[in-house]
């Protein structure tokens, strides 16, 4: 039984190996693009964007330079400071 199976396998292998056929080459045509079409209509204008977020408060500025000392007054001079007028209540 083993010899029969071995001989059948050997015979099938030799039979299939003897059928050496040339492969068939199929040439596929390359598609060629056609002429360009007409230009489409212009699209509509988009909607306006949202307002951006408010920025942060800036840093405080530096202290200014100190002014010069004033001159000494002459004699008996009196200075009257008038307060500003009161504004109307809201």
N, C-alpha and C. Protein backbone atom coordinates (compact mmCIF):
# COMPACT_ATOMS: atom_id res chain seq x y z
N UNK A 1 0.82 -1.19 0.00
CA UNK A 1 0.00 0.00 0.00
C UNK A 1 0.87 1.25 0.00
N UNK A 2 1.95 1.21 0.81
CA UNK A 2 2.82 2.37 0.87
C UNK A 2 3.52 2.58 -0.47
N UNK A 3 3.90 1.52 -1.09
CA UNK A 3 4.60 1.62 -2.37
C UNK A 3 3.66 2.15 -3.45
N UNK A 4 2.42 1.76 -3.43
CA UNK A 4 1.45 2.21 -4.43
C UNK A 4 1.21 3.71 -4.28
N UNK A 5 1.04 4.15 -3.06
CA UNK A 5 0.81 5.57 -2.81
C UNK A 5 2.04 6.39 -3.21
N UNK A 6 3.22 5.89 -2.93
CA UNK A 6 4.46 6.57 -3.28
C UNK A 6 4.61 6.65 -4.80
N UNK A 7 4.30 5.61 -5.50
CA UNK A 7 4.41 5.60 -6.96
C UNK A 7 3.39 6.55 -7.59
N UNK A 8 2.17 6.60 -7.03
CA UNK A 8 1.14 7.49 -7.57
C UNK A 8 1.56 8.96 -7.37
N UNK A 9 2.11 9.26 -6.24
CA UNK A 9 2.56 10.63 -5.95
C UNK A 9 3.71 11.01 -6.87
N UNK A 10 4.66 10.10 -7.08
CA UNK A 10 5.79 10.36 -7.96
C UNK A 10 5.33 10.56 -9.41
N UNK A 11 4.39 9.75 -9.85
CA UNK A 11 3.86 9.85 -11.21
C UNK A 11 3.12 11.18 -11.40
N UNK A 12 2.32 11.58 -10.40
CA UNK A 12 1.58 12.86 -10.50
C UNK A 12 2.55 14.03 -10.54
N UNK A 13 3.60 13.97 -9.77
CA UNK A 13 4.60 15.05 -9.74
C UNK A 13 5.29 15.17 -11.09
N UNK A 14 5.72 14.06 -11.67
CA UNK A 14 6.39 14.10 -12.96
C UNK A 14 5.46 14.55 -14.07
N UNK A 15 4.20 14.15 -13.99
CA UNK A 15 3.24 14.54 -15.02
C UNK A 15 2.99 16.04 -14.98
N UNK A 16 2.82 16.57 -13.79
CA UNK A 16 2.56 18.02 -13.68
C UNK A 16 3.80 18.85 -14.02
N UNK A 17 4.98 18.33 -13.71
CA UNK A 17 6.21 19.06 -14.01
C UNK A 17 6.48 19.07 -15.51
N UNK A 18 5.99 18.09 -16.24
CA UNK A 18 6.22 18.02 -17.68
C UNK A 18 5.35 19.01 -18.44
N UNK A 19 4.30 19.52 -17.84
CA UNK A 19 3.39 20.47 -18.51
C UNK A 19 3.90 21.88 -18.30
N UNK A 20 4.97 22.21 -18.96
CA UNK A 20 5.53 23.55 -18.83
C UNK A 20 4.95 24.42 -19.93
N UNK A 21 3.98 25.25 -19.54
CA UNK A 21 3.33 26.12 -20.53
C UNK A 21 3.92 27.52 -20.43
N UNK A 22 3.97 28.20 -21.54
CA UNK A 22 4.42 29.59 -21.53
C UNK A 22 3.33 30.47 -20.92
N UNK A 23 3.70 31.43 -20.07
CA UNK A 23 2.67 32.29 -19.47
C UNK A 23 2.11 33.25 -20.51
N UNK A 24 0.84 33.57 -20.37
CA UNK A 24 0.17 34.51 -21.27
C UNK A 24 0.32 35.91 -20.71
N UNK A 25 0.81 36.83 -21.53
CA UNK A 25 1.00 38.21 -21.11
C UNK A 25 -0.16 39.03 -21.63
N UNK A 26 -0.85 39.70 -20.71
CA UNK A 26 -1.98 40.56 -21.10
C UNK A 26 -1.55 42.00 -20.90
N UNK A 27 -1.62 42.79 -21.97
CA UNK A 27 -1.26 44.20 -21.89
C UNK A 27 -2.52 45.01 -21.62
N UNK A 28 -2.49 45.77 -20.51
CA UNK A 28 -3.63 46.59 -20.14
C UNK A 28 -3.40 48.00 -20.66
N UNK A 29 -4.38 48.58 -21.39
CA UNK A 29 -4.18 49.94 -21.92
C UNK A 29 -4.14 50.96 -20.78
N UNK A 30 -3.27 51.96 -20.92
CA UNK A 30 -3.13 53.02 -19.92
C UNK A 30 -4.16 54.11 -20.23
N UNK A 31 -4.96 54.50 -19.23
CA UNK A 31 -5.96 55.55 -19.50
C UNK A 31 -5.27 56.90 -19.71
N UNK A 32 -5.76 57.66 -20.68
CA UNK A 32 -5.21 58.97 -21.01
C UNK A 32 -6.26 60.01 -20.62
N UNK A 33 -5.87 61.05 -19.85
CA UNK A 33 -6.86 62.06 -19.46
C UNK A 33 -7.35 62.85 -20.67
N UNK A 34 -8.61 63.21 -20.61
CA UNK A 34 -9.21 63.99 -21.69
C UNK A 34 -8.96 65.47 -21.51
N UNK A 35 -9.56 66.30 -22.35
CA UNK A 35 -9.36 67.75 -22.24
C UNK A 35 -10.04 68.28 -20.97
N UNK A 36 -9.55 69.43 -20.49
CA UNK A 36 -10.11 70.04 -19.29
C UNK A 36 -11.50 70.58 -19.58
N UNK A 37 -12.36 70.53 -18.57
CA UNK A 37 -13.72 71.03 -18.71
C UNK A 37 -13.77 72.53 -18.47
N UNK A 38 -14.98 73.08 -18.56
CA UNK A 38 -15.18 74.51 -18.35
C UNK A 38 -15.02 74.85 -16.87
N UNK A 39 -14.62 76.10 -16.61
CA UNK A 39 -14.45 76.56 -15.23
C UNK A 39 -15.82 76.70 -14.58
N UNK A 40 -15.90 76.28 -13.32
CA UNK A 40 -17.17 76.37 -12.59
C UNK A 40 -17.45 77.79 -12.10
N UNK A 41 -18.65 77.99 -11.59
CA UNK A 41 -19.06 79.30 -11.09
C UNK A 41 -18.33 79.62 -9.79
N UNK A 42 -18.16 80.93 -9.52
CA UNK A 42 -17.51 81.37 -8.29
C UNK A 42 -18.41 81.08 -7.11
N UNK A 43 -17.82 80.62 -6.02
CA UNK A 43 -18.59 80.31 -4.82
C UNK A 43 -19.01 81.55 -4.06
N UNK A 44 -19.91 81.37 -3.10
CA UNK A 44 -20.40 82.50 -2.29
C UNK A 44 -19.37 82.86 -1.23
N UNK A 45 -19.44 84.11 -0.77
CA UNK A 45 -18.54 84.58 0.29
C UNK A 45 -18.95 83.94 1.60
N UNK A 46 -17.98 83.52 2.37
CA UNK A 46 -18.25 82.89 3.66
C UNK A 46 -18.70 83.90 4.70
N UNK A 47 -19.22 83.41 5.82
CA UNK A 47 -19.69 84.28 6.89
C UNK A 47 -18.50 84.83 7.67
N UNK A 48 -18.73 85.97 8.36
CA UNK A 48 -17.67 86.61 9.15
C UNK A 48 -17.37 85.78 10.38
N UNK A 49 -16.15 85.81 10.83
CA UNK A 49 -15.75 85.05 12.02
C UNK A 49 -16.17 85.75 13.30
N UNK A 50 -16.01 85.07 14.42
CA UNK A 50 -16.37 85.62 15.73
C UNK A 50 -15.29 86.60 16.19
N UNK A 51 -15.69 87.51 17.08
CA UNK A 51 -14.75 88.45 17.67
C UNK A 51 -13.80 87.70 18.59
N UNK A 52 -12.55 88.06 18.57
CA UNK A 52 -11.57 87.39 19.41
C UNK A 52 -11.74 87.72 20.88
N UNK A 53 -11.08 86.96 21.74
CA UNK A 53 -11.17 87.17 23.18
C UNK A 53 -10.39 88.42 23.57
N UNK A 54 -10.82 89.07 24.69
CA UNK A 54 -10.16 90.28 25.15
C UNK A 54 -8.80 89.94 25.74
N UNK A 55 -7.83 90.79 25.50
CA UNK A 55 -6.48 90.55 26.00
C UNK A 55 -6.35 90.85 27.49
N UNK A 56 -5.22 90.48 28.07
CA UNK A 56 -4.96 90.72 29.49
C UNK A 56 -4.53 92.16 29.71
N UNK A 57 -4.70 92.65 30.95
CA UNK A 57 -4.27 93.99 31.32
C UNK A 57 -2.74 94.03 31.30
N UNK A 58 -2.20 95.12 30.81
CA UNK A 58 -0.76 95.25 30.72
C UNK A 58 -0.12 95.45 32.09
N UNK A 59 1.20 95.33 32.15
CA UNK A 59 1.94 95.51 33.40
C UNK A 59 2.00 96.99 33.77
N UNK A 60 2.12 97.27 35.07
CA UNK A 60 2.17 98.64 35.55
C UNK A 60 3.50 99.27 35.12
N UNK A 61 3.46 100.55 34.77
CA UNK A 61 4.67 101.25 34.34
C UNK A 61 5.59 101.59 35.51
N UNK A 62 6.80 102.01 35.19
CA UNK A 62 7.78 102.38 36.20
C UNK A 62 7.48 103.77 36.75
N UNK A 63 7.95 104.04 37.97
CA UNK A 63 7.80 105.36 38.58
C UNK A 63 8.66 106.36 37.82
N UNK A 64 8.11 107.56 37.62
CA UNK A 64 8.85 108.59 36.89
C UNK A 64 9.98 109.17 37.72
N UNK A 65 10.83 109.92 37.04
CA UNK A 65 11.97 110.54 37.72
C UNK A 65 11.48 111.67 38.62
N UNK A 66 12.19 111.93 39.72
CA UNK A 66 11.81 112.96 40.67
C UNK A 66 12.10 114.33 40.08
N UNK A 67 11.18 115.26 40.29
CA UNK A 67 11.36 116.62 39.77
C UNK A 67 12.34 117.43 40.61
N UNK A 68 12.67 118.62 40.10
CA UNK A 68 13.61 119.49 40.81
C UNK A 68 12.90 120.18 41.97
N UNK A 69 13.66 120.54 42.97
CA UNK A 69 13.13 121.24 44.12
C UNK A 69 12.74 122.66 43.69
N UNK A 70 11.59 123.14 44.21
CA UNK A 70 11.12 124.48 43.86
C UNK A 70 11.93 125.59 44.53
N UNK A 71 11.77 126.82 44.03
CA UNK A 71 12.49 127.97 44.57
C UNK A 71 11.74 128.50 45.79
N UNK A 72 12.46 129.10 46.68
CA UNK A 72 11.85 129.70 47.86
C UNK A 72 11.10 130.95 47.45
N UNK A 73 9.90 131.11 48.07
CA UNK A 73 9.08 132.27 47.75
C UNK A 73 9.63 133.56 48.32
N UNK A 74 9.10 134.73 47.82
CA UNK A 74 9.57 136.03 48.29
C UNK A 74 8.46 136.71 49.09
N UNK A 75 8.71 137.05 50.31
CA UNK A 75 7.77 137.83 51.10
C UNK A 75 6.57 137.04 51.56
N UNK A 76 5.43 137.80 51.79
CA UNK A 76 4.19 137.20 52.29
C UNK A 76 3.25 136.91 51.13
N UNK A 77 3.40 135.78 50.49
CA UNK A 77 2.54 135.41 49.37
C UNK A 77 1.55 134.36 49.84
N UNK A 78 0.27 134.55 49.53
CA UNK A 78 -0.77 133.60 49.91
C UNK A 78 -1.31 132.95 48.64
N UNK A 79 -1.41 131.61 48.64
CA UNK A 79 -1.94 130.89 47.48
C UNK A 79 -3.28 130.32 47.86
N UNK A 80 -4.31 130.59 47.05
CA UNK A 80 -5.67 130.07 47.30
C UNK A 80 -5.95 129.01 46.25
N UNK A 81 -6.31 127.82 46.71
CA UNK A 81 -6.63 126.71 45.81
C UNK A 81 -8.14 126.54 45.82
N UNK A 82 -8.79 126.67 44.67
CA UNK A 82 -10.24 126.52 44.57
C UNK A 82 -10.55 125.09 44.18
N UNK A 83 -11.39 124.37 44.97
CA UNK A 83 -11.74 123.01 44.60
C UNK A 83 -12.60 122.99 43.35
N UNK A 84 -12.54 121.91 42.55
CA UNK A 84 -13.35 121.84 41.34
C UNK A 84 -14.84 121.78 41.67
N UNK A 85 -15.67 122.23 40.74
CA UNK A 85 -17.11 122.22 40.94
C UNK A 85 -17.61 120.78 41.00
N UNK A 86 -18.60 120.56 41.84
CA UNK A 86 -19.17 119.23 41.98
C UNK A 86 -19.92 118.86 40.71
N UNK A 87 -19.79 117.61 40.27
CA UNK A 87 -20.50 117.17 39.07
C UNK A 87 -21.92 116.76 39.41
N UNK A 88 -22.78 116.83 38.41
CA UNK A 88 -24.18 116.47 38.63
C UNK A 88 -24.31 114.98 38.89
N UNK A 89 -25.18 114.55 39.83
CA UNK A 89 -25.36 113.13 40.11
C UNK A 89 -26.00 112.41 38.93
N UNK A 90 -25.65 111.19 38.73
CA UNK A 90 -26.19 110.40 37.60
C UNK A 90 -27.44 109.70 38.01
